[in-house]
Amino acid sequence: MLITPASRRDARPLSQLADEIGEVVAPVDLTAASPGQVKVAAAIANALSVPLMLTHVLQPIVAPLGSRWAAPDREAARIESAQQRMKDIQASVASTIRSESLVLSGEPSEEIVKVANSRSSNLIVMGLHSNGLLGPRMGSVTYRVLCTTEASVLALPPRAAVVTTSVAAATHATA
């Protein structure tokens, strides 16, 4: 589902929207669905000939007052682990696509919107979560991103990898 900002009242063809996208920002939550979502984001970036920014946001550790002395070591280990996992995911992106990976700390929706704004992205490609019988649903991070960004957001179902070829073909046909 592609959601455009409320400030954009006029309907525009996909080819015109494509001209406004300077970069694709893909928030990665490092779940099992992440590789498929990155494939879709990479296919879109490739079809539009724009860079891909893979972003993961670590929420700060909240530790009891007495155990805070160990938090710096745990935080450094969390950051290092996330950076390595992001490098592994970035390595799966075709070498013909300019890509970067970034690990940040903070409130995920705020950091995702900041990255998209600072890089004039205009397109955030992020996943919906699945909850068994309820199927794909919007998580709180996706909801807050939608409420606070001026970028268009492409919300992908958890099994987005299946449509990778269709997305690339559709983007080429309308661009």
N, C-alpha and C. Protein backbone atom coordinates (compact mmCIF):
# COMPACT_ATOMS: atom_id res chain seq x y z
N MET A 1 0.84 -1.15 0.00
CA MET A 1 0.00 0.00 0.00
C MET A 1 0.90 1.23 0.00
N LEU A 2 0.69 2.15 -0.95
CA LEU A 2 1.45 3.40 -1.01
C LEU A 2 0.60 4.50 -0.39
N ILE A 3 1.13 5.14 0.64
CA ILE A 3 0.43 6.21 1.32
C ILE A 3 1.21 7.49 1.08
N THR A 4 0.50 8.51 0.59
CA THR A 4 1.14 9.79 0.34
C THR A 4 0.72 10.78 1.43
N PRO A 5 1.51 11.81 1.67
CA PRO A 5 1.20 12.77 2.73
C PRO A 5 -0.13 13.49 2.49
N ALA A 6 -0.79 13.86 3.58
CA ALA A 6 -2.06 14.58 3.49
C ALA A 6 -1.88 15.93 2.79
N SER A 7 -0.69 16.50 2.87
CA SER A 7 -0.44 17.80 2.24
C SER A 7 -0.47 17.72 0.72
N ARG A 8 -0.35 16.51 0.19
CA ARG A 8 -0.36 16.31 -1.25
C ARG A 8 -1.79 15.93 -1.66
N ARG A 9 -2.59 16.91 -1.99
CA ARG A 9 -4.02 16.70 -2.26
C ARG A 9 -4.30 16.23 -3.69
N ASP A 10 -3.44 16.60 -4.63
CA ASP A 10 -3.71 16.26 -6.02
C ASP A 10 -3.17 14.86 -6.36
N ALA A 11 -3.93 14.13 -7.13
CA ALA A 11 -3.50 12.82 -7.59
C ALA A 11 -2.49 13.01 -8.71
N ARG A 12 -1.42 12.24 -8.66
CA ARG A 12 -0.39 12.33 -9.69
C ARG A 12 -0.04 10.95 -10.19
N PRO A 13 0.38 10.86 -11.43
CA PRO A 13 0.80 9.55 -11.94
C PRO A 13 2.09 9.10 -11.26
N LEU A 14 2.28 7.79 -11.23
CA LEU A 14 3.47 7.21 -10.59
C LEU A 14 4.75 7.76 -11.20
N SER A 15 4.76 8.00 -12.50
CA SER A 15 5.97 8.51 -13.15
C SER A 15 6.36 9.88 -12.59
N GLN A 16 5.36 10.71 -12.26
CA GLN A 16 5.66 12.03 -11.70
C GLN A 16 6.16 11.89 -10.26
N LEU A 17 5.56 11.00 -9.49
CA LEU A 17 6.04 10.75 -8.13
C LEU A 17 7.47 10.23 -8.16
N ALA A 18 7.77 9.39 -9.13
CA ALA A 18 9.11 8.80 -9.24
C ALA A 18 10.17 9.88 -9.43
N ASP A 19 9.84 10.94 -10.15
CA ASP A 19 10.79 12.03 -10.37
C ASP A 19 11.14 12.77 -9.09
N GLU A 20 10.28 12.69 -8.07
CA GLU A 20 10.50 13.40 -6.81
C GLU A 20 11.32 12.61 -5.81
N ILE A 21 11.57 11.34 -6.09
CA ILE A 21 12.26 10.47 -5.13
C ILE A 21 13.76 10.55 -5.35
N GLY A 22 14.46 11.10 -4.36
CA GLY A 22 15.91 11.23 -4.46
C GLY A 22 16.64 10.03 -3.89
N GLU A 23 15.96 9.27 -3.04
CA GLU A 23 16.57 8.12 -2.38
C GLU A 23 15.44 7.30 -1.75
N VAL A 24 15.64 6.02 -1.63
CA VAL A 24 14.69 5.15 -0.95
C VAL A 24 15.25 4.85 0.43
N VAL A 25 14.48 5.17 1.47
CA VAL A 25 14.87 4.83 2.83
C VAL A 25 14.11 3.57 3.22
N ALA A 26 14.84 2.56 3.66
CA ALA A 26 14.23 1.30 4.06
C ALA A 26 14.58 0.99 5.52
N PRO A 27 13.66 1.27 6.44
CA PRO A 27 13.89 0.88 7.83
C PRO A 27 13.91 -0.64 7.94
N VAL A 28 14.88 -1.16 8.64
CA VAL A 28 15.07 -2.60 8.78
C VAL A 28 14.97 -2.94 10.26
N ASP A 29 14.04 -3.83 10.61
CA ASP A 29 13.90 -4.20 12.02
C ASP A 29 14.64 -5.47 12.39
N LEU A 30 15.38 -6.02 11.44
CA LEU A 30 16.21 -7.20 11.65
C LEU A 30 15.40 -8.43 12.08
N THR A 31 14.18 -8.55 11.55
CA THR A 31 13.36 -9.74 11.76
C THR A 31 13.50 -10.63 10.53
N ALA A 32 12.83 -11.76 10.55
CA ALA A 32 12.88 -12.69 9.42
C ALA A 32 12.31 -12.07 8.14
N ALA A 33 11.43 -11.08 8.28
CA ALA A 33 10.84 -10.42 7.11
C ALA A 33 11.77 -9.41 6.46
N SER A 34 12.81 -8.99 7.15
CA SER A 34 13.70 -7.93 6.65
C SER A 34 14.32 -8.21 5.29
N PRO A 35 14.89 -9.39 5.03
CA PRO A 35 15.50 -9.61 3.71
C PRO A 35 14.51 -9.43 2.55
N GLY A 36 13.30 -9.90 2.70
CA GLY A 36 12.29 -9.74 1.64
C GLY A 36 11.92 -8.28 1.43
N GLN A 37 11.80 -7.54 2.52
CA GLN A 37 11.47 -6.12 2.43
C GLN A 37 12.61 -5.33 1.80
N VAL A 38 13.84 -5.72 2.12
CA VAL A 38 15.00 -5.05 1.52
C VAL A 38 15.06 -5.35 0.01
N LYS A 39 14.70 -6.57 -0.39
CA LYS A 39 14.67 -6.89 -1.82
C LYS A 39 13.71 -5.99 -2.57
N VAL A 40 12.54 -5.75 -2.00
CA VAL A 40 11.56 -4.88 -2.65
C VAL A 40 12.09 -3.45 -2.71
N ALA A 41 12.62 -2.95 -1.60
CA ALA A 41 13.17 -1.59 -1.57
C ALA A 41 14.32 -1.44 -2.56
N ALA A 42 15.17 -2.46 -2.65
CA ALA A 42 16.29 -2.42 -3.60
C ALA A 42 15.79 -2.44 -5.04
N ALA A 43 14.75 -3.22 -5.32
CA ALA A 43 14.19 -3.25 -6.68
C ALA A 43 13.63 -1.90 -7.07
N ILE A 44 12.99 -1.22 -6.12
CA ILE A 44 12.45 0.11 -6.39
C ILE A 44 13.58 1.10 -6.61
N ALA A 45 14.59 1.08 -5.74
CA ALA A 45 15.74 1.98 -5.90
C ALA A 45 16.42 1.74 -7.24
N ASN A 46 16.56 0.49 -7.62
CA ASN A 46 17.19 0.15 -8.90
C ASN A 46 16.34 0.67 -10.07
N ALA A 47 15.04 0.45 -10.00
CA ALA A 47 14.16 0.88 -11.08
C ALA A 47 14.15 2.40 -11.24
N LEU A 48 14.31 3.11 -10.13
CA LEU A 48 14.30 4.58 -10.16
C LEU A 48 15.70 5.17 -10.32
N SER A 49 16.72 4.32 -10.29
CA SER A 49 18.13 4.75 -10.37
C SER A 49 18.47 5.74 -9.27
N VAL A 50 18.06 5.41 -8.04
CA VAL A 50 18.36 6.24 -6.87
C VAL A 50 19.04 5.38 -5.82
N PRO A 51 19.74 6.00 -4.88
CA PRO A 51 20.40 5.23 -3.81
C PRO A 51 19.38 4.61 -2.84
N LEU A 52 19.86 3.63 -2.10
CA LEU A 52 19.07 2.94 -1.08
C LEU A 52 19.74 3.15 0.27
N MET A 53 18.99 3.65 1.24
CA MET A 53 19.50 3.84 2.60
C MET A 53 18.80 2.85 3.52
N LEU A 54 19.54 1.85 3.98
CA LEU A 54 19.03 0.87 4.93
C LEU A 54 19.27 1.41 6.34
N THR A 55 18.23 1.46 7.15
CA THR A 55 18.33 2.07 8.46
C THR A 55 17.77 1.15 9.54
N HIS A 56 18.51 0.99 10.60
CA HIS A 56 18.02 0.25 11.77
C HIS A 56 18.15 1.18 12.97
N VAL A 57 17.10 1.20 13.80
CA VAL A 57 17.12 2.05 14.99
C VAL A 57 17.03 1.18 16.24
N LEU A 58 18.03 1.33 17.08
CA LEU A 58 18.05 0.66 18.38
C LEU A 58 17.36 1.54 19.41
N GLN A 59 16.39 0.98 20.10
CA GLN A 59 15.79 1.74 21.18
C GLN A 59 16.75 1.73 22.37
N PRO A 60 16.86 2.86 23.08
CA PRO A 60 17.79 2.91 24.21
C PRO A 60 17.45 1.86 25.27
N ILE A 61 18.48 1.36 25.93
CA ILE A 61 18.29 0.41 27.02
C ILE A 61 17.82 1.17 28.26
N VAL A 62 16.79 0.66 28.86
CA VAL A 62 16.33 1.21 30.13
C VAL A 62 16.71 0.20 31.20
N ALA A 63 17.69 0.56 32.02
CA ALA A 63 18.20 -0.36 33.04
C ALA A 63 17.91 0.21 34.43
N PRO A 64 17.69 -0.68 35.38
CA PRO A 64 17.51 -0.21 36.76
C PRO A 64 18.73 0.57 37.21
N LEU A 65 18.52 1.50 38.11
CA LEU A 65 19.58 2.40 38.56
C LEU A 65 20.82 1.65 39.02
N GLY A 66 20.68 0.58 39.76
CA GLY A 66 21.83 -0.15 40.30
C GLY A 66 22.64 -0.90 39.26
N SER A 67 22.07 -1.16 38.08
CA SER A 67 22.79 -1.94 37.07
C SER A 67 23.29 -1.10 35.91
N ARG A 68 23.23 0.19 36.02
CA ARG A 68 23.64 1.06 34.92
C ARG A 68 25.13 1.00 34.62
N TRP A 69 25.94 0.53 35.54
CA TRP A 69 27.39 0.46 35.30
C TRP A 69 27.70 -0.50 34.16
N ALA A 70 26.84 -1.48 33.91
CA ALA A 70 27.09 -2.46 32.84
C ALA A 70 26.50 -2.01 31.50
N ALA A 71 25.66 -1.00 31.51
CA ALA A 71 24.95 -0.57 30.29
C ALA A 71 25.88 -0.14 29.16
N PRO A 72 26.98 0.59 29.40
CA PRO A 72 27.84 0.99 28.26
C PRO A 72 28.39 -0.21 27.48
N ASP A 73 28.77 -1.28 28.20
CA ASP A 73 29.27 -2.47 27.51
C ASP A 73 28.17 -3.15 26.71
N ARG A 74 27.00 -3.26 27.29
CA ARG A 74 25.87 -3.88 26.59
C ARG A 74 25.47 -3.04 25.38
N GLU A 75 25.47 -1.74 25.54
CA GLU A 75 25.09 -0.86 24.43
C GLU A 75 26.08 -0.98 23.28
N ALA A 76 27.36 -1.01 23.57
CA ALA A 76 28.38 -1.16 22.53
C ALA A 76 28.22 -2.50 21.81
N ALA A 77 27.92 -3.56 22.55
CA ALA A 77 27.72 -4.87 21.95
C ALA A 77 26.48 -4.88 21.07
N ARG A 78 25.41 -4.24 21.52
CA ARG A 78 24.18 -4.15 20.71
C ARG A 78 24.44 -3.40 19.41
N ILE A 79 25.15 -2.29 19.49
CA ILE A 79 25.45 -1.50 18.30
C ILE A 79 26.31 -2.31 17.33
N GLU A 80 27.34 -2.95 17.84
CA GLU A 80 28.23 -3.75 16.99
C GLU A 80 27.47 -4.89 16.32
N SER A 81 26.61 -5.57 17.07
CA SER A 81 25.82 -6.66 16.51
C SER A 81 24.88 -6.15 15.41
N ALA A 82 24.20 -5.04 15.68
CA ALA A 82 23.28 -4.47 14.69
C ALA A 82 24.04 -4.02 13.44
N GLN A 83 25.20 -3.41 13.61
CA GLN A 83 25.99 -2.98 12.46
C GLN A 83 26.42 -4.16 11.60
N GLN A 84 26.81 -5.27 12.23
CA GLN A 84 27.21 -6.45 11.47
C GLN A 84 26.02 -7.04 10.73
N ARG A 85 24.88 -7.13 11.38
CA ARG A 85 23.69 -7.67 10.72
C ARG A 85 23.25 -6.77 9.57
N MET A 86 23.39 -5.46 9.73
CA MET A 86 23.04 -4.54 8.65
C MET A 86 24.01 -4.69 7.48
N LYS A 87 25.31 -4.89 7.76
CA LYS A 87 26.29 -5.11 6.69
C LYS A 87 25.95 -6.37 5.91
N ASP A 88 25.52 -7.42 6.63
CA ASP A 88 25.13 -8.66 5.97
C ASP A 88 23.93 -8.44 5.06
N ILE A 89 22.94 -7.69 5.54
CA ILE A 89 21.77 -7.41 4.71
C ILE A 89 22.16 -6.54 3.52
N GLN A 90 23.01 -5.53 3.76
CA GLN A 90 23.44 -4.66 2.67
C GLN A 90 24.21 -5.46 1.62
N ALA A 91 24.95 -6.48 2.04
CA ALA A 91 25.70 -7.31 1.09
C ALA A 91 24.77 -8.08 0.15
N SER A 92 23.52 -8.26 0.55
CA SER A 92 22.56 -8.96 -0.30
C SER A 92 22.00 -8.07 -1.41
N VAL A 93 22.24 -6.77 -1.32
CA VAL A 93 21.77 -5.83 -2.33
C VAL A 93 22.71 -5.87 -3.52
N ALA A 94 22.16 -5.87 -4.71
CA ALA A 94 22.98 -5.92 -5.92
C ALA A 94 24.01 -4.80 -5.93
N SER A 95 25.20 -5.11 -6.41
CA SER A 95 26.29 -4.13 -6.42
C SER A 95 26.01 -2.97 -7.37
N THR A 96 25.04 -3.11 -8.24
CA THR A 96 24.69 -2.02 -9.17
C THR A 96 23.85 -0.95 -8.49
N ILE A 97 23.37 -1.23 -7.28
CA ILE A 97 22.56 -0.27 -6.53
C ILE A 97 23.44 0.41 -5.49
N ARG A 98 23.46 1.74 -5.54
CA ARG A 98 24.21 2.48 -4.51
C ARG A 98 23.45 2.32 -3.20
N SER A 99 24.10 1.75 -2.19
CA SER A 99 23.42 1.54 -0.91
C SER A 99 24.33 1.88 0.25
N GLU A 100 23.69 2.25 1.34
CA GLU A 100 24.37 2.52 2.60
C GLU A 100 23.56 1.86 3.70
N SER A 101 24.21 1.58 4.83
CA SER A 101 23.46 1.12 5.99
C SER A 101 23.83 2.01 7.17
N LEU A 102 22.84 2.23 8.01
CA LEU A 102 23.00 3.16 9.12
C LEU A 102 22.32 2.56 10.34
N VAL A 103 23.02 2.56 11.48
CA VAL A 103 22.44 2.12 12.75
C VAL A 103 22.37 3.34 13.65
N LEU A 104 21.17 3.63 14.12
CA LEU A 104 20.93 4.78 14.97
C LEU A 104 20.37 4.33 16.31
N SER A 105 20.34 5.23 17.26
CA SER A 105 19.74 4.95 18.56
C SER A 105 18.72 6.03 18.85
N GLY A 106 17.57 5.62 19.35
CA GLY A 106 16.52 6.57 19.68
C GLY A 106 15.15 5.96 19.48
N GLU A 107 14.15 6.82 19.38
CA GLU A 107 12.78 6.37 19.14
C GLU A 107 12.67 6.07 17.65
N PRO A 108 12.36 4.83 17.26
CA PRO A 108 12.43 4.43 15.85
C PRO A 108 11.68 5.33 14.87
N SER A 109 10.43 5.66 15.13
CA SER A 109 9.69 6.46 14.15
C SER A 109 10.31 7.84 13.98
N GLU A 110 10.76 8.45 15.06
CA GLU A 110 11.39 9.77 14.96
C GLU A 110 12.67 9.71 14.14
N GLU A 111 13.50 8.70 14.40
CA GLU A 111 14.77 8.58 13.68
C GLU A 111 14.55 8.27 12.20
N ILE A 112 13.57 7.46 11.88
CA ILE A 112 13.27 7.13 10.48
C ILE A 112 12.85 8.40 9.73
N VAL A 113 11.98 9.18 10.33
CA VAL A 113 11.52 10.42 9.70
C VAL A 113 12.67 11.41 9.56
N LYS A 114 13.54 11.50 10.57
CA LYS A 114 14.70 12.40 10.49
C LYS A 114 15.61 12.01 9.32
N VAL A 115 15.87 10.72 9.16
CA VAL A 115 16.73 10.26 8.07
C VAL A 115 16.10 10.62 6.73
N ALA A 116 14.81 10.33 6.57
CA ALA A 116 14.14 10.63 5.30
C ALA A 116 14.16 12.12 5.01
N ASN A 117 13.93 12.96 6.03
CA ASN A 117 13.94 14.41 5.83
C ASN A 117 15.33 14.92 5.51
N SER A 118 16.33 14.46 6.25
CA SER A 118 17.68 14.99 6.06
C SER A 118 18.27 14.60 4.70
N ARG A 119 17.77 13.53 4.12
CA ARG A 119 18.31 13.05 2.85
C ARG A 119 17.38 13.33 1.69
N SER A 120 16.31 14.09 1.93
CA SER A 120 15.33 14.42 0.89
C SER A 120 14.88 13.17 0.14
N SER A 121 14.56 12.15 0.90
CA SER A 121 14.23 10.86 0.33
C SER A 121 12.92 10.86 -0.43
N ASN A 122 11.84 11.26 0.20
CA ASN A 122 10.49 11.27 -0.36
C ASN A 122 9.88 9.90 -0.55
N LEU A 123 10.57 8.81 -0.18
CA LEU A 123 9.96 7.48 -0.19
C LEU A 123 10.58 6.63 0.92
N ILE A 124 9.71 6.15 1.79
CA ILE A 124 10.09 5.23 2.85
C ILE A 124 9.41 3.90 2.54
N VAL A 125 10.19 2.84 2.46
CA VAL A 125 9.65 1.51 2.20
C VAL A 125 9.82 0.70 3.48
N MET A 126 8.70 0.38 4.14
CA MET A 126 8.79 -0.34 5.41
C MET A 126 7.75 -1.44 5.50
N GLY A 127 8.00 -2.39 6.36
CA GLY A 127 7.15 -3.56 6.47
C GLY A 127 6.03 -3.43 7.48
N LEU A 128 4.95 -4.12 7.17
CA LEU A 128 3.88 -4.34 8.13
C LEU A 128 4.24 -5.61 8.88
N HIS A 129 3.64 -5.81 10.01
CA HIS A 129 3.91 -7.01 10.79
C HIS A 129 2.74 -7.96 10.68
N SER A 130 3.01 -9.23 10.90
CA SER A 130 1.96 -10.23 10.83
C SER A 130 1.63 -10.70 12.24
N ASN A 131 0.35 -10.97 12.45
CA ASN A 131 -0.08 -11.43 13.76
C ASN A 131 -1.00 -12.63 13.59
N GLY A 132 -0.47 -13.70 13.03
CA GLY A 132 -1.23 -14.94 12.90
C GLY A 132 -2.54 -14.79 12.17
N LEU A 133 -3.63 -15.01 12.86
CA LEU A 133 -4.96 -14.97 12.27
C LEU A 133 -5.36 -13.59 11.75
N LEU A 134 -4.78 -12.55 12.33
CA LEU A 134 -5.15 -11.20 11.92
C LEU A 134 -4.48 -10.78 10.63
N GLY A 135 -3.46 -11.50 10.19
CA GLY A 135 -2.77 -11.17 8.96
C GLY A 135 -1.91 -9.93 9.12
N PRO A 136 -1.47 -9.34 7.99
CA PRO A 136 -0.62 -8.15 8.06
C PRO A 136 -1.35 -7.00 8.75
N ARG A 137 -0.64 -6.31 9.60
CA ARG A 137 -1.22 -5.15 10.27
C ARG A 137 -0.16 -4.09 10.44
N MET A 138 -0.61 -2.89 10.65
CA MET A 138 0.31 -1.78 10.85
C MET A 138 0.79 -1.78 12.29
N GLY A 139 2.10 -1.73 12.47
CA GLY A 139 2.66 -1.63 13.81
C GLY A 139 2.70 -0.18 14.26
N SER A 140 3.04 0.02 15.52
CA SER A 140 3.05 1.37 16.08
C SER A 140 4.12 2.24 15.42
N VAL A 141 5.26 1.66 15.06
CA VAL A 141 6.31 2.46 14.40
C VAL A 141 5.82 2.92 13.03
N THR A 142 5.24 2.01 12.26
CA THR A 142 4.72 2.37 10.94
C THR A 142 3.66 3.46 11.08
N TYR A 143 2.77 3.30 12.04
CA TYR A 143 1.71 4.29 12.25
C TYR A 143 2.29 5.66 12.57
N ARG A 144 3.27 5.72 13.48
CA ARG A 144 3.85 7.02 13.85
C ARG A 144 4.64 7.63 12.69
N VAL A 145 5.30 6.80 11.88
CA VAL A 145 5.99 7.33 10.70
C VAL A 145 4.96 7.96 9.76
N LEU A 146 3.87 7.25 9.51
CA LEU A 146 2.82 7.77 8.62
C LEU A 146 2.26 9.09 9.13
N CYS A 147 2.14 9.23 10.44
CA CYS A 147 1.56 10.45 11.03
C CYS A 147 2.51 11.64 11.02
N THR A 148 3.82 11.38 10.92
CA THR A 148 4.77 12.48 11.08
C THR A 148 5.63 12.79 9.87
N THR A 149 5.58 11.98 8.83
CA THR A 149 6.46 12.22 7.69
C THR A 149 5.74 12.97 6.57
N GLU A 150 6.52 13.67 5.78
CA GLU A 150 6.01 14.29 4.55
C GLU A 150 6.37 13.44 3.34
N ALA A 151 7.08 12.34 3.57
CA ALA A 151 7.45 11.43 2.49
C ALA A 151 6.30 10.46 2.21
N SER A 152 6.29 9.90 1.02
CA SER A 152 5.36 8.81 0.74
C SER A 152 5.89 7.57 1.44
N VAL A 153 4.99 6.70 1.88
CA VAL A 153 5.37 5.47 2.57
C VAL A 153 4.76 4.29 1.83
N LEU A 154 5.61 3.35 1.46
CA LEU A 154 5.15 2.10 0.88
C LEU A 154 5.20 1.06 1.98
N ALA A 155 4.01 0.63 2.44
CA ALA A 155 3.91 -0.36 3.52
C ALA A 155 3.78 -1.74 2.91
N LEU A 156 4.74 -2.61 3.22
CA LEU A 156 4.82 -3.94 2.62
C LEU A 156 4.31 -5.01 3.57
N PRO A 157 3.57 -5.98 3.04
CA PRO A 157 3.18 -7.12 3.87
C PRO A 157 4.41 -7.94 4.22
N PRO A 158 4.33 -8.78 5.25
CA PRO A 158 5.51 -9.55 5.67
C PRO A 158 6.13 -10.42 4.58
N ARG A 159 5.38 -10.89 3.66
CA ARG A 159 5.92 -11.75 2.60
C ARG A 159 6.11 -10.95 1.31
N ALA A 160 6.74 -9.80 1.42
CA ALA A 160 6.90 -8.88 0.30
C ALA A 160 7.85 -9.39 -0.77
N ALA A 161 8.72 -10.32 -0.44
CA ALA A 161 9.71 -10.80 -1.41
C ALA A 161 9.04 -11.44 -2.61
N VAL A 162 7.85 -11.97 -2.44
CA VAL A 162 7.14 -12.64 -3.52
C VAL A 162 6.82 -11.67 -4.66
N VAL A 163 6.61 -10.39 -4.33
CA VAL A 163 6.21 -9.43 -5.34
C VAL A 163 7.36 -8.61 -5.90
N THR A 164 8.59 -8.94 -5.56
CA THR A 164 9.74 -8.15 -6.00
C THR A 164 9.76 -7.95 -7.50
N THR A 165 9.60 -9.01 -8.25
CA THR A 165 9.64 -8.92 -9.71
C THR A 165 8.51 -8.06 -10.22
N SER A 166 7.32 -8.21 -9.66
CA SER A 166 6.16 -7.43 -10.09
C SER A 166 6.37 -5.94 -9.83
N VAL A 167 6.95 -5.61 -8.68
CA VAL A 167 7.19 -4.21 -8.34
C VAL A 167 8.16 -3.59 -9.33
N ALA A 168 9.25 -4.26 -9.61
CA ALA A 168 10.24 -3.72 -10.54
C ALA A 168 9.63 -3.56 -11.92
N ALA A 169 8.85 -4.52 -12.37
CA ALA A 169 8.24 -4.44 -13.70
C ALA A 169 7.23 -3.30 -13.76
N ALA A 170 6.42 -3.15 -12.71
CA ALA A 170 5.42 -2.08 -12.68
C ALA A 170 6.08 -0.71 -12.65
N THR A 171 7.17 -0.60 -11.88
CA THR A 171 7.87 0.68 -11.79
C THR A 171 8.47 1.06 -13.14
N HIS A 172 9.08 0.10 -13.83
CA HIS A 172 9.64 0.37 -15.14
C HIS A 172 8.55 0.76 -16.15
N ALA A 173 7.40 0.13 -16.04
CA ALA A 173 6.32 0.38 -17.00
C ALA A 173 5.74 1.77 -16.84
N THR A 174 5.74 2.31 -15.61
CA THR A 174 5.13 3.63 -15.39
C THR A 174 6.14 4.76 -15.32
N ALA A 175 7.41 4.43 -15.17
CA ALA A 175 8.43 5.49 -15.03
C ALA A 175 8.81 6.09 -16.36
